[in-house]
Amino acid sequence: MRIDDGRSLVIPDFAGNSYFNTCGNLLINPRAGLLFIDFESGDLVYLTGTTDIVWDGDEVRGFAGAQRLVRFHLVEGRRVSGGLPLRWSFGDYSPLLARTGSWSALHPPLSATGEQPQR
């Protein structure tokens, strides 16, 4: 996932994610909800918004191995501190992630103000 600015993010879709069925649903009704979980603290972030699908082009090629992208535009978000009663700690990344390359070189992280740093 890549955060583009304070109100939008991009999620790449890879073969095997089974998002393609979801992409069809989003073409009919672009409203979506996302849930992000911090398993160490139990914090939850709920996001609602609209989506569009990026089917091809340089932006898709910027995510090595992605077949398409889902762009999410935030309408509303809520954070619930400690909302998850269970806790886990991080293990290791999947070794299969190495196949997607490093996106950080192509897409540097946002600054504290939510803007892309100058290249």
PDB file of N, CA and C in Angstrom:
ATOM      1  N   MET A   1       0.845  -1.161   0.000  1.00  0.00           N
ATOM      2  CA  MET A   1       0.000   0.000   0.000  1.00  0.00           C
ATOM      3  C   MET A   1       0.900   1.236   0.000  1.00  0.00           C
ATOM      4  N   ARG A   2       0.407   2.272  -0.667  1.00  0.00           N
ATOM      5  CA  ARG A   2       1.129   3.542  -0.707  1.00  0.00           C
ATOM      6  C   ARG A   2       0.157   4.651  -0.329  1.00  0.00           C
ATOM      7  N   ILE A   3       0.576   5.536   0.578  1.00  0.00           N
ATOM      8  CA  ILE A   3      -0.222   6.703   0.938  1.00  0.00           C
ATOM      9  C   ILE A   3       0.205   7.837   0.022  1.00  0.00           C
ATOM     10  N   ASP A   4      -0.742   8.374  -0.756  1.00  0.00           N
ATOM     11  CA  ASP A   4      -0.423   9.444  -1.704  1.00  0.00           C
ATOM     12  C   ASP A   4      -0.500  10.825  -1.067  1.00  0.00           C
ATOM     13  N   ASP A   5      -1.460  11.042  -0.210  1.00  0.00           N
ATOM     14  CA  ASP A   5      -1.610  12.314   0.486  1.00  0.00           C
ATOM     15  C   ASP A   5      -2.498  12.061   1.695  1.00  0.00           C
ATOM     16  N   GLY A   6      -2.934  13.105   2.358  1.00  0.00           N
ATOM     17  CA  GLY A   6      -3.734  12.959   3.567  1.00  0.00           C
ATOM     18  C   GLY A   6      -5.113  12.367   3.367  1.00  0.00           C
ATOM     19  N   ARG A   7      -5.541  12.195   2.097  1.00  0.00           N
ATOM     20  CA  ARG A   7      -6.893  11.700   1.837  1.00  0.00           C
ATOM     21  C   ARG A   7      -6.960  10.580   0.801  1.00  0.00           C
ATOM     22  N   SER A   8      -5.816  10.045   0.354  1.00  0.00           N
ATOM     23  CA  SER A   8      -5.885   8.958  -0.626  1.00  0.00           C
ATOM     24  C   SER A   8      -4.719   7.993  -0.460  1.00  0.00           C
ATOM     25  N   LEU A   9      -4.988   6.749  -0.821  1.00  0.00           N
ATOM     26  CA  LEU A   9      -3.967   5.712  -0.793  1.00  0.00           C
ATOM     27  C   LEU A   9      -4.183   4.778  -1.966  1.00  0.00           C
ATOM     28  N   VAL A  10      -3.144   4.008  -2.288  1.00  0.00           N
ATOM     29  CA  VAL A  10      -3.185   3.086  -3.424  1.00  0.00           C
ATOM     30  C   VAL A  10      -2.832   1.694  -2.930  1.00  0.00           C
ATOM     31  N   ILE A  11      -3.628   0.715  -3.357  1.00  0.00           N
ATOM     32  CA  ILE A  11      -3.408  -0.681  -2.988  1.00  0.00           C
ATOM     33  C   ILE A  11      -3.160  -1.467  -4.270  1.00  0.00           C
ATOM     34  N   PRO A  12      -1.969  -2.084  -4.436  1.00  0.00           N
ATOM     35  CA  PRO A  12      -1.727  -2.894  -5.628  1.00  0.00           C
ATOM     36  C   PRO A  12      -2.451  -4.226  -5.532  1.00  0.00           C
ATOM     37  N   ASP A  13      -2.865  -4.746  -6.676  1.00  0.00           N
ATOM     38  CA  ASP A  13      -3.519  -6.051  -6.746  1.00  0.00           C
ATOM     39  C   ASP A  13      -2.611  -7.007  -7.501  1.00  0.00           C
ATOM     40  N   PHE A  14      -2.328  -8.138  -6.895  1.00  0.00           N
ATOM     41  CA  PHE A  14      -1.455  -9.158  -7.457  1.00  0.00           C
ATOM     42  C   PHE A  14      -2.248 -10.421  -7.762  1.00  0.00           C
ATOM     43  N   ALA A  15      -1.761 -11.227  -8.691  1.00  0.00           N
ATOM     44  CA  ALA A  15      -2.367 -12.533  -8.951  1.00  0.00           C
ATOM     45  C   ALA A  15      -2.373 -13.307  -7.638  1.00  0.00           C
ATOM     46  N   GLY A  16      -3.513 -13.913  -7.325  1.00  0.00           N
ATOM     47  CA  GLY A  16      -3.611 -14.692  -6.098  1.00  0.00           C
ATOM     48  C   GLY A  16      -4.248 -13.941  -4.945  1.00  0.00           C
ATOM     49  N   ASN A  17      -4.375 -12.612  -5.042  1.00  0.00           N
ATOM     50  CA  ASN A  17      -5.036 -11.848  -3.977  1.00  0.00           C
ATOM     51  C   ASN A  17      -6.547 -12.044  -3.990  1.00  0.00           C
ATOM     52  N   SER A  18      -7.079 -12.461  -5.117  1.00  0.00           N
ATOM     53  CA  SER A  18      -8.522 -12.610  -5.320  1.00  0.00           C
ATOM     54  C   SER A  18      -9.255 -11.286  -5.207  1.00  0.00           C
ATOM     55  N   TYR A  19      -8.554 -10.171  -5.433  1.00  0.00           N
ATOM     56  CA  TYR A  19      -9.191  -8.856  -5.437  1.00  0.00           C
ATOM     57  C   TYR A  19      -9.954  -8.611  -6.727  1.00  0.00           C
ATOM     58  N   PHE A  20      -9.658  -9.403  -7.772  1.00  0.00           N
ATOM     59  CA  PHE A  20     -10.283  -9.113  -9.057  1.00  0.00           C
ATOM     60  C   PHE A  20     -11.803  -9.116  -8.941  1.00  0.00           C
ATOM     61  N   ASN A  21     -12.359 -10.036  -8.147  1.00  0.00           N
ATOM     62  CA  ASN A  21     -13.809 -10.035  -7.920  1.00  0.00           C
ATOM     63  C   ASN A  21     -14.232  -8.752  -7.212  1.00  0.00           C
ATOM     64  N   THR A  22     -13.443  -8.317  -6.255  1.00  0.00           N
ATOM     65  CA  THR A  22     -13.720  -7.072  -5.552  1.00  0.00           C
ATOM     66  C   THR A  22     -13.664  -5.894  -6.511  1.00  0.00           C
ATOM     67  N   CYS A  23     -12.702  -5.893  -7.438  1.00  0.00           N
ATOM     68  CA  CYS A  23     -12.594  -4.801  -8.416  1.00  0.00           C
ATOM     69  C   CYS A  23     -13.885  -4.686  -9.222  1.00  0.00           C
ATOM     70  N   GLY A  24     -14.470  -5.802  -9.607  1.00  0.00           N
ATOM     71  CA  GLY A  24     -15.733  -5.774 -10.342  1.00  0.00           C
ATOM     72  C   GLY A  24     -16.835  -5.150  -9.512  1.00  0.00           C
ATOM     73  N   ASN A  25     -16.886  -5.488  -8.230  1.00  0.00           N
ATOM     74  CA  ASN A  25     -17.886  -4.887  -7.350  1.00  0.00           C
ATOM     75  C   ASN A  25     -17.663  -3.385  -7.215  1.00  0.00           C
ATOM     76  N   LEU A  26     -16.406  -2.966  -7.129  1.00  0.00           N
ATOM     77  CA  LEU A  26     -16.102  -1.543  -6.968  1.00  0.00           C
ATOM     78  C   LEU A  26     -16.411  -0.745  -8.226  1.00  0.00           C
ATOM     79  N   LEU A  27     -16.376  -1.397  -9.387  1.00  0.00           N
ATOM     80  CA  LEU A  27     -16.764  -0.702 -10.613  1.00  0.00           C
ATOM     81  C   LEU A  27     -18.258  -0.393 -10.616  1.00  0.00           C
ATOM     82  N   ILE A  28     -19.048  -1.288 -10.032  1.00  0.00           N
ATOM     83  CA  ILE A  28     -20.498  -1.087  -9.956  1.00  0.00           C
ATOM     84  C   ILE A  28     -20.848  -0.096  -8.848  1.00  0.00           C
ATOM     85  N   ASN A  29     -20.189  -0.240  -7.696  1.00  0.00           N
ATOM     86  CA  ASN A  29     -20.439   0.634  -6.553  1.00  0.00           C
ATOM     87  C   ASN A  29     -19.084   0.956  -5.921  1.00  0.00           C
ATOM     88  N   PRO A  30     -18.541   2.150  -6.154  1.00  0.00           N
ATOM     89  CA  PRO A  30     -17.172   2.460  -5.734  1.00  0.00           C
ATOM     90  C   PRO A  30     -16.992   2.759  -4.244  1.00  0.00           C
ATOM     91  N   ARG A  31     -18.059   2.644  -3.445  1.00  0.00           N
ATOM     92  CA  ARG A  31     -17.909   2.882  -2.009  1.00  0.00           C
ATOM     93  C   ARG A  31     -17.192   1.698  -1.361  1.00  0.00           C
ATOM     94  N   ALA A  32     -16.285   2.006  -0.408  1.00  0.00           N
ATOM     95  CA  ALA A  32     -15.514   0.949   0.241  1.00  0.00           C
ATOM     96  C   ALA A  32     -15.198   1.332   1.676  1.00  0.00           C
ATOM     97  N   GLY A  33     -14.896   0.321   2.464  1.00  0.00           N
ATOM     98  CA  GLY A  33     -14.436   0.513   3.833  1.00  0.00           C
ATOM     99  C   GLY A  33     -13.158  -0.274   4.046  1.00  0.00           C
ATOM    100  N   LEU A  34     -12.253   0.287   4.812  1.00  0.00           N
ATOM    101  CA  LEU A  34     -10.992  -0.382   5.134  1.00  0.00           C
ATOM    102  C   LEU A  34     -10.836  -0.422   6.651  1.00  0.00           C
ATOM    103  N   LEU A  35     -10.221  -1.489   7.138  1.00  0.00           N
ATOM    104  CA  LEU A  35      -9.922  -1.628   8.556  1.00  0.00           C
ATOM    105  C   LEU A  35      -8.438  -1.908   8.701  1.00  0.00           C
ATOM    106  N   PHE A  36      -7.765  -1.107   9.511  1.00  0.00           N
ATOM    107  CA  PHE A  36      -6.345  -1.319   9.806  1.00  0.00           C
ATOM    108  C   PHE A  36      -6.232  -1.653  11.287  1.00  0.00           C
ATOM    109  N   ILE A  37      -5.462  -2.707  11.582  1.00  0.00           N
ATOM    110  CA  ILE A  37      -5.333  -3.201  12.952  1.00  0.00           C
ATOM    111  C   ILE A  37      -3.880  -3.104  13.383  1.00  0.00           C
ATOM    112  N   ASP A  38      -3.647  -2.508  14.549  1.00  0.00           N
ATOM    113  CA  ASP A  38      -2.334  -2.549  15.188  1.00  0.00           C
ATOM    114  C   ASP A  38      -2.419  -3.661  16.222  1.00  0.00           C
ATOM    115  N   PHE A  39      -1.854  -4.818  15.884  1.00  0.00           N
ATOM    116  CA  PHE A  39      -2.004  -5.992  16.733  1.00  0.00           C
ATOM    117  C   PHE A  39      -1.239  -5.872  18.046  1.00  0.00           C
ATOM    118  N   GLU A  40      -0.221  -5.016  18.092  1.00  0.00           N
ATOM    119  CA  GLU A  40       0.529  -4.855  19.339  1.00  0.00           C
ATOM    120  C   GLU A  40      -0.227  -4.006  20.350  1.00  0.00           C
ATOM    121  N   SER A  41      -0.893  -2.943  19.884  1.00  0.00           N
ATOM    122  CA  SER A  41      -1.603  -2.046  20.807  1.00  0.00           C
ATOM    123  C   SER A  41      -3.106  -2.333  20.883  1.00  0.00           C
ATOM    124  N   GLY A  42      -3.644  -3.024  19.870  1.00  0.00           N
ATOM    125  CA  GLY A  42      -5.080  -3.257  19.797  1.00  0.00           C
ATOM    126  C   GLY A  42      -5.853  -2.092  19.198  1.00  0.00           C
ATOM    127  N   ASP A  43      -5.135  -1.065  18.719  1.00  0.00           N
ATOM    128  CA  ASP A  43      -5.797   0.076  18.092  1.00  0.00           C
ATOM    129  C   ASP A  43      -6.370  -0.319  16.739  1.00  0.00           C
ATOM    130  N   LEU A  44      -7.514   0.268  16.390  1.00  0.00           N
ATOM    131  CA  LEU A  44      -8.184   0.031  15.119  1.00  0.00           C
ATOM    132  C   LEU A  44      -8.373   1.364  14.404  1.00  0.00           C
ATOM    133  N   VAL A  45      -8.209   1.362  13.085  1.00  0.00           N
ATOM    134  CA  VAL A  45      -8.519   2.530  12.274  1.00  0.00           C
ATOM    135  C   VAL A  45      -9.516   2.082  11.219  1.00  0.00           C
ATOM    136  N   TYR A  46     -10.683   2.721  11.224  1.00  0.00           N
ATOM    137  CA  TYR A  46     -11.737   2.464  10.246  1.00  0.00           C
ATOM    138  C   TYR A  46     -11.740   3.610   9.245  1.00  0.00           C
ATOM    139  N   LEU A  47     -11.733   3.280   7.953  1.00  0.00           N
ATOM    140  CA  LEU A  47     -11.797   4.286   6.902  1.00  0.00           C
ATOM    141  C   LEU A  47     -12.963   3.971   5.969  1.00  0.00           C
ATOM    142  N   THR A  48     -13.701   4.995   5.567  1.00  0.00           N
ATOM    143  CA  THR A  48     -14.714   4.845   4.528  1.00  0.00           C
ATOM    144  C   THR A  48     -14.374   5.810   3.409  1.00  0.00           C
ATOM    145  N   GLY A  49     -14.725   5.431   2.191  1.00  0.00           N
ATOM    146  CA  GLY A  49     -14.417   6.300   1.066  1.00  0.00           C
ATOM    147  C   GLY A  49     -14.901   5.734  -0.241  1.00  0.00           C
ATOM    148  N   THR A  50     -14.365   6.279  -1.304  1.00  0.00           N
ATOM    149  CA  THR A  50     -14.687   5.824  -2.653  1.00  0.00           C
ATOM    150  C   THR A  50     -13.410   5.355  -3.326  1.00  0.00           C
ATOM    151  N   THR A  51     -13.584   4.593  -4.391  1.00  0.00           N
ATOM    152  CA  THR A  51     -12.432   3.997  -5.073  1.00  0.00           C
ATOM    153  C   THR A  51     -12.504   4.214  -6.570  1.00  0.00           C
ATOM    154  N   ASP A  52     -11.354   4.080  -7.191  1.00  0.00           N
ATOM    155  CA  ASP A  52     -11.300   3.911  -8.637  1.00  0.00           C
ATOM    156  C   ASP A  52     -10.187   2.913  -8.925  1.00  0.00           C
ATOM    157  N   ILE A  53     -10.282   2.265 -10.068  1.00  0.00           N
ATOM    158  CA  ILE A  53      -9.331   1.222 -10.462  1.00  0.00           C
ATOM    159  C   ILE A  53      -8.395   1.784 -11.519  1.00  0.00           C
ATOM    160  N   VAL A  54      -7.094   1.580 -11.312  1.00  0.00           N
ATOM    161  CA  VAL A  54      -6.084   1.938 -12.304  1.00  0.00           C
ATOM    162  C   VAL A  54      -5.670   0.627 -12.970  1.00  0.00           C
ATOM    163  N   TRP A  55      -6.037   0.459 -14.222  1.00  0.00           N
ATOM    164  CA  TRP A  55      -5.855  -0.825 -14.898  1.00  0.00           C
ATOM    165  C   TRP A  55      -4.464  -1.021 -15.487  1.00  0.00           C
ATOM    166  N   ASP A  56      -3.800   0.053 -15.934  1.00  0.00           N
ATOM    167  CA  ASP A  56      -2.476  -0.106 -16.536  1.00  0.00           C
ATOM    168  C   ASP A  56      -1.752   1.230 -16.533  1.00  0.00           C
ATOM    169  N   GLY A  57      -0.548   1.227 -17.061  1.00  0.00           N
ATOM    170  CA  GLY A  57       0.231   2.452 -17.143  1.00  0.00           C
ATOM    171  C   GLY A  57       1.445   2.423 -16.233  1.00  0.00           C
ATOM    172  N   ASP A  58       2.173   3.529 -16.246  1.00  0.00           N
ATOM    173  CA  ASP A  58       3.410   3.621 -15.471  1.00  0.00           C
ATOM    174  C   ASP A  58       3.181   3.454 -13.978  1.00  0.00           C
ATOM    175  N   GLU A  59       2.069   3.957 -13.492  1.00  0.00           N
ATOM    176  CA  GLU A  59       1.809   3.838 -12.059  1.00  0.00           C
ATOM    177  C   GLU A  59       1.670   2.373 -11.640  1.00  0.00           C
ATOM    178  N   VAL A  60       1.005   1.561 -12.453  1.00  0.00           N
ATOM    179  CA  VAL A  60       0.880   0.134 -12.149  1.00  0.00           C
ATOM    180  C   VAL A  60       2.253  -0.529 -12.220  1.00  0.00           C
ATOM    181  N   ARG A  61       3.038  -0.189 -13.236  1.00  0.00           N
ATOM    182  CA  ARG A  61       4.375  -0.779 -13.378  1.00  0.00           C
ATOM    183  C   ARG A  61       5.310  -0.375 -12.237  1.00  0.00           C
ATOM    184  N   GLY A  62       4.993   0.723 -11.531  1.00  0.00           N
ATOM    185  CA  GLY A  62       5.789   1.149 -10.387  1.00  0.00           C
ATOM    186  C   GLY A  62       5.686   0.218  -9.199  1.00  0.00           C
ATOM    187  N   PHE A  63       4.664  -0.630  -9.173  1.00  0.00           N
ATOM    188  CA  PHE A  63       4.516  -1.659  -8.141  1.00  0.00           C
ATOM    189  C   PHE A  63       4.868  -2.995  -8.793  1.00  0.00           C
ATOM    190  N   ALA A  64       6.094  -3.439  -8.624  1.00  0.00           N
ATOM    191  CA  ALA A  64       6.571  -4.652  -9.297  1.00  0.00           C
ATOM    192  C   ALA A  64       5.615  -5.816  -9.064  1.00  0.00           C
ATOM    193  N   GLY A  65       5.150  -6.421 -10.157  1.00  0.00           N
ATOM    194  CA  GLY A  65       4.290  -7.590 -10.085  1.00  0.00           C
ATOM    195  C   GLY A  65       2.804  -7.295  -9.991  1.00  0.00           C
ATOM    196  N   ALA A  66       2.419  -6.033  -9.787  1.00  0.00           N
ATOM    197  CA  ALA A  66       0.992  -5.700  -9.660  1.00  0.00           C
ATOM    198  C   ALA A  66       0.317  -5.774 -11.021  1.00  0.00           C
ATOM    199  N   GLN A  67      -0.929  -6.224 -11.031  1.00  0.00           N
ATOM    200  CA  GLN A  67      -1.710  -6.294 -12.264  1.00  0.00           C
ATOM    201  C   GLN A  67      -2.618  -5.088 -12.433  1.00  0.00           C
ATOM    202  N   ARG A  68      -2.968  -4.428 -11.349  1.00  0.00           N
ATOM    203  CA  ARG A  68      -3.817  -3.239 -11.352  1.00  0.00           C
ATOM    204  C   ARG A  68      -3.696  -2.608  -9.977  1.00  0.00           C
ATOM    205  N   LEU A  69      -4.267  -1.414  -9.818  1.00  0.00           N
ATOM    206  CA  LEU A  69      -4.241  -0.719  -8.532  1.00  0.00           C
ATOM    207  C   LEU A  69      -5.657  -0.314  -8.148  1.00  0.00           C
ATOM    208  N   VAL A  70      -5.918  -0.297  -6.858  1.00  0.00           N
ATOM    209  CA  VAL A  70      -7.161   0.254  -6.334  1.00  0.00           C
ATOM    210  C   VAL A  70      -6.771   1.545  -5.606  1.00  0.00           C
ATOM    211  N   ARG A  71      -7.306   2.667  -6.076  1.00  0.00           N
ATOM    212  CA  ARG A  71      -7.058   3.958  -5.424  1.00  0.00           C
ATOM    213  C   ARG A  71      -8.250   4.256  -4.519  1.00  0.00           C
ATOM    214  N   PHE A  72      -7.966   4.535  -3.252  1.00  0.00           N
ATOM    215  CA  PHE A  72      -8.985   4.783  -2.231  1.00  0.00           C
ATOM    216  C   PHE A  72      -8.944   6.258  -1.855  1.00  0.00           C
ATOM    217  N   HIS A  73     -10.105   6.920  -1.891  1.00  0.00           N
ATOM    218  CA  HIS A  73     -10.242   8.336  -1.543  1.00  0.00           C
ATOM    219  C   HIS A  73     -11.038   8.439  -0.242  1.00  0.00           C
ATOM    220  N   LEU A  74     -10.406   8.905   0.805  1.00  0.00           N
ATOM    221  CA  LEU A  74     -10.999   8.961   2.141  1.00  0.00           C
ATOM    222  C   LEU A  74     -12.169   9.940   2.217  1.00  0.00           C
ATOM    223  N   VAL A  75     -13.271   9.473   2.802  1.00  0.00           N
ATOM    224  CA  VAL A  75     -14.402  10.329   3.135  1.00  0.00           C
ATOM    225  C   VAL A  75     -14.413  10.572   4.644  1.00  0.00           C
ATOM    226  N   GLU A  76     -14.252   9.496   5.428  1.00  0.00           N
ATOM    227  CA  GLU A  76     -14.261   9.616   6.880  1.00  0.00           C
ATOM    228  C   GLU A  76     -13.389   8.535   7.488  1.00  0.00           C
ATOM    229  N   GLY A  77     -12.781   8.833   8.615  1.00  0.00           N
ATOM    230  CA  GLY A  77     -11.963   7.874   9.337  1.00  0.00           C
ATOM    231  C   GLY A  77     -12.166   7.989  10.830  1.00  0.00           C
ATOM    232  N   ARG A  78     -12.002   6.871  11.510  1.00  0.00           N
ATOM    233  CA  ARG A  78     -12.121   6.844  12.974  1.00  0.00           C
ATOM    234  C   ARG A  78     -11.042   5.924  13.534  1.00  0.00           C
ATOM    235  N   ARG A  79     -10.464   6.356  14.659  1.00  0.00           N
ATOM    236  CA  ARG A  79      -9.494   5.533  15.375  1.00  0.00           C
ATOM    237  C   ARG A  79     -10.109   5.125  16.701  1.00  0.00           C
ATOM    238  N   VAL A  80      -9.983   3.844  17.011  1.00  0.00           N
ATOM    239  CA  VAL A  80     -10.478   3.312  18.277  1.00  0.00           C
ATOM    240  C   VAL A  80      -9.269   2.762  19.025  1.00  0.00           C
ATOM    241  N   SER A  81      -8.853   3.450  20.078  1.00  0.00           N
ATOM    242  CA  SER A  81      -7.693   3.015  20.859  1.00  0.00           C
ATOM    243  C   SER A  81      -8.049   1.778  21.670  1.00  0.00           C
ATOM    244  N   GLY A  82      -7.208   0.748  21.552  1.00  0.00           N
ATOM    245  CA  GLY A  82      -7.398  -0.478  22.326  1.00  0.00           C
ATOM    246  C   GLY A  82      -8.677  -1.220  22.006  1.00  0.00           C
ATOM    247  N   GLY A  83      -9.245  -1.023  20.814  1.00  0.00           N
ATOM    248  CA  GLY A  83     -10.522  -1.635  20.449  1.00  0.00           C
ATOM    249  C   GLY A  83     -10.463  -3.139  20.244  1.00  0.00           C
ATOM    250  N   LEU A  84      -9.285  -3.679  19.993  1.00  0.00           N
ATOM    251  CA  LEU A  84      -9.133  -5.117  19.794  1.00  0.00           C
ATOM    252  C   LEU A  84      -8.616  -5.726  21.098  1.00  0.00           C
ATOM    253  N   PRO A  85      -9.346  -6.650  21.725  1.00  0.00           N
ATOM    254  CA  PRO A  85      -8.919  -7.169  23.026  1.00  0.00           C
ATOM    255  C   PRO A  85      -7.728  -8.127  22.955  1.00  0.00           C
ATOM    256  N   LEU A  86      -7.407  -8.634  21.772  1.00  0.00           N
ATOM    257  CA  LEU A  86      -6.305  -9.585  21.631  1.00  0.00           C
ATOM    258  C   LEU A  86      -5.047  -8.863  21.185  1.00  0.00           C
ATOM    259  N   ARG A  87      -3.865  -9.435  21.468  1.00  0.00           N
ATOM    260  CA  ARG A  87      -2.593  -8.830  21.078  1.00  0.00           C
ATOM    261  C   ARG A  87      -1.693  -9.882  20.434  1.00  0.00           C
ATOM    262  N   TRP A  88      -0.937  -9.448  19.423  1.00  0.00           N
ATOM    263  CA  TRP A  88       0.055 -10.283  18.775  1.00  0.00           C
ATOM    264  C   TRP A  88       1.303  -9.449  18.571  1.00  0.00           C
ATOM    265  N   SER A  89       2.417 -10.113  18.344  1.00  0.00           N
ATOM    266  CA  SER A  89       3.640  -9.391  17.985  1.00  0.00           C
ATOM    267  C   SER A  89       4.077  -9.853  16.597  1.00  0.00           C
ATOM    268  N   PHE A  90       4.808  -8.982  15.903  1.00  0.00           N
ATOM    269  CA  PHE A  90       5.235  -9.248  14.535  1.00  0.00           C
ATOM    270  C   PHE A  90       6.260 -10.371  14.509  1.00  0.00           C
ATOM    271  N   GLY A  91       6.124 -11.253  13.502  1.00  0.00           N
ATOM    272  CA  GLY A  91       7.101 -12.324  13.283  1.00  0.00           C
ATOM    273  C   GLY A  91       8.076 -11.895  12.208  1.00  0.00           C
ATOM    274  N   ASP A  92       7.930 -12.439  11.017  1.00  0.00           N
ATOM    275  CA  ASP A  92       8.785 -12.097   9.888  1.00  0.00           C
ATOM    276  C   ASP A  92       7.926 -11.830   8.665  1.00  0.00           C
ATOM    277  N   TYR A  93       8.478 -11.030   7.732  1.00  0.00           N
ATOM    278  CA  TYR A  93       7.819 -10.829   6.450  1.00  0.00           C
ATOM    279  C   TYR A  93       7.891 -12.116   5.641  1.00  0.00           C
ATOM    280  N   SER A  94       6.934 -12.342   4.784  1.00  0.00           N
ATOM    281  CA  SER A  94       6.958 -13.494   3.888  1.00  0.00           C
ATOM    282  C   SER A  94       8.135 -13.366   2.927  1.00  0.00           C
ATOM    283  N   PRO A  95       8.891 -14.435   2.683  1.00  0.00           N
ATOM    284  CA  PRO A  95       9.987 -14.368   1.728  1.00  0.00           C
ATOM    285  C   PRO A  95       9.504 -14.081   0.307  1.00  0.00           C
ATOM    286  N   LEU A  96       8.228 -14.316   0.027  1.00  0.00           N
ATOM    287  CA  LEU A  96       7.677 -14.042  -1.306  1.00  0.00           C
ATOM    288  C   LEU A  96       7.578 -12.550  -1.595  1.00  0.00           C
ATOM    289  N   LEU A  97       7.589 -11.710  -0.554  1.00  0.00           N
ATOM    290  CA  LEU A  97       7.516 -10.269  -0.764  1.00  0.00           C
ATOM    291  C   LEU A  97       8.732  -9.727  -1.508  1.00  0.00           C
ATOM    292  N   ALA A  98       9.857 -10.405  -1.433  1.00  0.00           N
ATOM    293  CA  ALA A  98      11.065  -9.945  -2.128  1.00  0.00           C
ATOM    294  C   ALA A  98      10.836  -9.854  -3.635  1.00  0.00           C
ATOM    295  N   ARG A  99       9.918 -10.652  -4.167  1.00  0.00           N
ATOM    296  CA  ARG A  99       9.634 -10.637  -5.605  1.00  0.00           C
ATOM    297  C   ARG A  99       9.029  -9.318  -6.078  1.00  0.00           C
ATOM    298  N   THR A 100       8.406  -8.574  -5.178  1.00  0.00           N
ATOM    299  CA  THR A 100       7.770  -7.318  -5.584  1.00  0.00           C
ATOM    300  C   THR A 100       8.754  -6.156  -5.611  1.00  0.00           C
ATOM    301  N   GLY A 101       9.994  -6.380  -5.195  1.00  0.00           N
ATOM    302  CA  GLY A 101      10.989  -5.315  -5.217  1.00  0.00           C
ATOM    303  C   GLY A 101      10.768  -4.321  -4.093  1.00  0.00           C
ATOM    304  N   SER A 102      11.510  -3.231  -4.155  1.00  0.00           N
ATOM    305  CA  SER A 102      11.400  -2.189  -3.141  1.00  0.00           C
ATOM    306  C   SER A 102      10.635  -1.004  -3.710  1.00  0.00           C
ATOM    307  N   TRP A 103       9.461  -0.746  -3.162  1.00  0.00           N
ATOM    308  CA  TRP A 103       8.657   0.381  -3.622  1.00  0.00           C
ATOM    309  C   TRP A 103       9.133   1.677  -3.008  1.00  0.00           C
ATOM    310  N   SER A 104       9.858   1.605  -1.886  1.00  0.00           N
ATOM    311  CA  SER A 104      10.246   2.839  -1.200  1.00  0.00           C
ATOM    312  C   SER A 104      11.142   3.707  -2.068  1.00  0.00           C
ATOM    313  N   ALA A 105      11.922   3.110  -2.944  1.00  0.00           N
ATOM    314  CA  ALA A 105      12.760   3.904  -3.841  1.00  0.00           C
ATOM    315  C   ALA A 105      11.898   4.676  -4.843  1.00  0.00           C
ATOM    316  N   LEU A 106      10.810   4.058  -5.299  1.00  0.00           N
ATOM    317  CA  LEU A 106       9.914   4.710  -6.252  1.00  0.00           C
ATOM    318  C   LEU A 106       8.917   5.640  -5.579  1.00  0.00           C
ATOM    319  N   HIS A 107       8.522   5.295  -4.370  1.00  0.00           N
ATOM    320  CA  HIS A 107       7.477   6.027  -3.658  1.00  0.00           C
ATOM    321  C   HIS A 107       7.973   6.329  -2.249  1.00  0.00           C
ATOM    322  N   PRO A 108       8.732   7.425  -2.046  1.00  0.00           N
ATOM    323  CA  PRO A 108       9.244   7.720  -0.706  1.00  0.00           C
ATOM    324  C   PRO A 108       8.108   7.987   0.270  1.00  0.00           C
ATOM    325  N   PRO A 109       8.347   7.741   1.565  1.00  0.00           N
ATOM    326  CA  PRO A 109       7.291   7.966   2.558  1.00  0.00           C
ATOM    327  C   PRO A 109       6.908   9.440   2.637  1.00  0.00           C
ATOM    328  N   LEU A 110       5.696   9.684   3.126  1.00  0.00           N
ATOM    329  CA  LEU A 110       5.214  11.051   3.284  1.00  0.00           C
ATOM    330  C   LEU A 110       5.924  11.734   4.440  1.00  0.00           C
ATOM    331  N   SER A 111       6.017  13.047   4.382  1.00  0.00           N
ATOM    332  CA  SER A 111       6.551  13.823   5.491  1.00  0.00           C
ATOM    333  C   SER A 111       5.490  13.915   6.579  1.00  0.00           C
ATOM    334  N   ALA A 112       5.838  14.516   7.702  1.00  0.00           N
ATOM    335  CA  ALA A 112       4.896  14.667   8.805  1.00  0.00           C
ATOM    336  C   ALA A 112       3.695  15.511   8.408  1.00  0.00           C
ATOM    337  N   THR A 113       3.831  16.350   7.384  1.00  0.00           N
ATOM    338  CA  THR A 113       2.715  17.190   6.937  1.00  0.00           C
ATOM    339  C   THR A 113       1.844  16.467   5.916  1.00  0.00           C
ATOM    340  N   GLY A 114       2.199  15.233   5.537  1.00  0.00           N
ATOM    341  CA  GLY A 114       1.408  14.476   4.589  1.00  0.00           C
ATOM    342  C   GLY A 114       1.767  14.760   3.145  1.00  0.00           C
ATOM    343  N   GLU A 115       2.909  15.389   2.907  1.00  0.00           N
ATOM    344  CA  GLU A 115       3.333  15.700   1.534  1.00  0.00           C
ATOM    345  C   GLU A 115       4.505  14.817   1.135  1.00  0.00           C
ATOM    346  N   GLN A 116       4.581  14.531  -0.153  1.00  0.00           N
ATOM    347  CA  GLN A 116       5.723  13.780  -0.674  1.00  0.00           C
ATOM    348  C   GLN A 116       6.963  14.651  -0.567  1.00  0.00           C
ATOM    349  N   PRO A 117       8.116  14.102  -0.086  1.00  0.00           N
ATOM    350  CA  PRO A 117       9.334  14.888  -0.057  1.00  0.00           C
ATOM    351  C   PRO A 117       9.799  15.211  -1.472  1.00  0.00           C
ATOM    352  N   GLN A 118      10.509  16.309  -1.629  1.00  0.00           N
ATOM    353  CA  GLN A 118      11.042  16.687  -2.929  1.00  0.00           C
ATOM    354  C   GLN A 118      12.148  15.733  -3.317  1.00  0.00           C
ATOM    355  N   ARG A 119      12.186  15.349  -4.610  1.00  0.00           N
ATOM    356  CA  ARG A 119      13.234  14.438  -5.093  1.00  0.00           C
ATOM    357  C   ARG A 119      14.348  15.214  -5.714  1.00  0.00           C
TER     358      ARG A 119
END
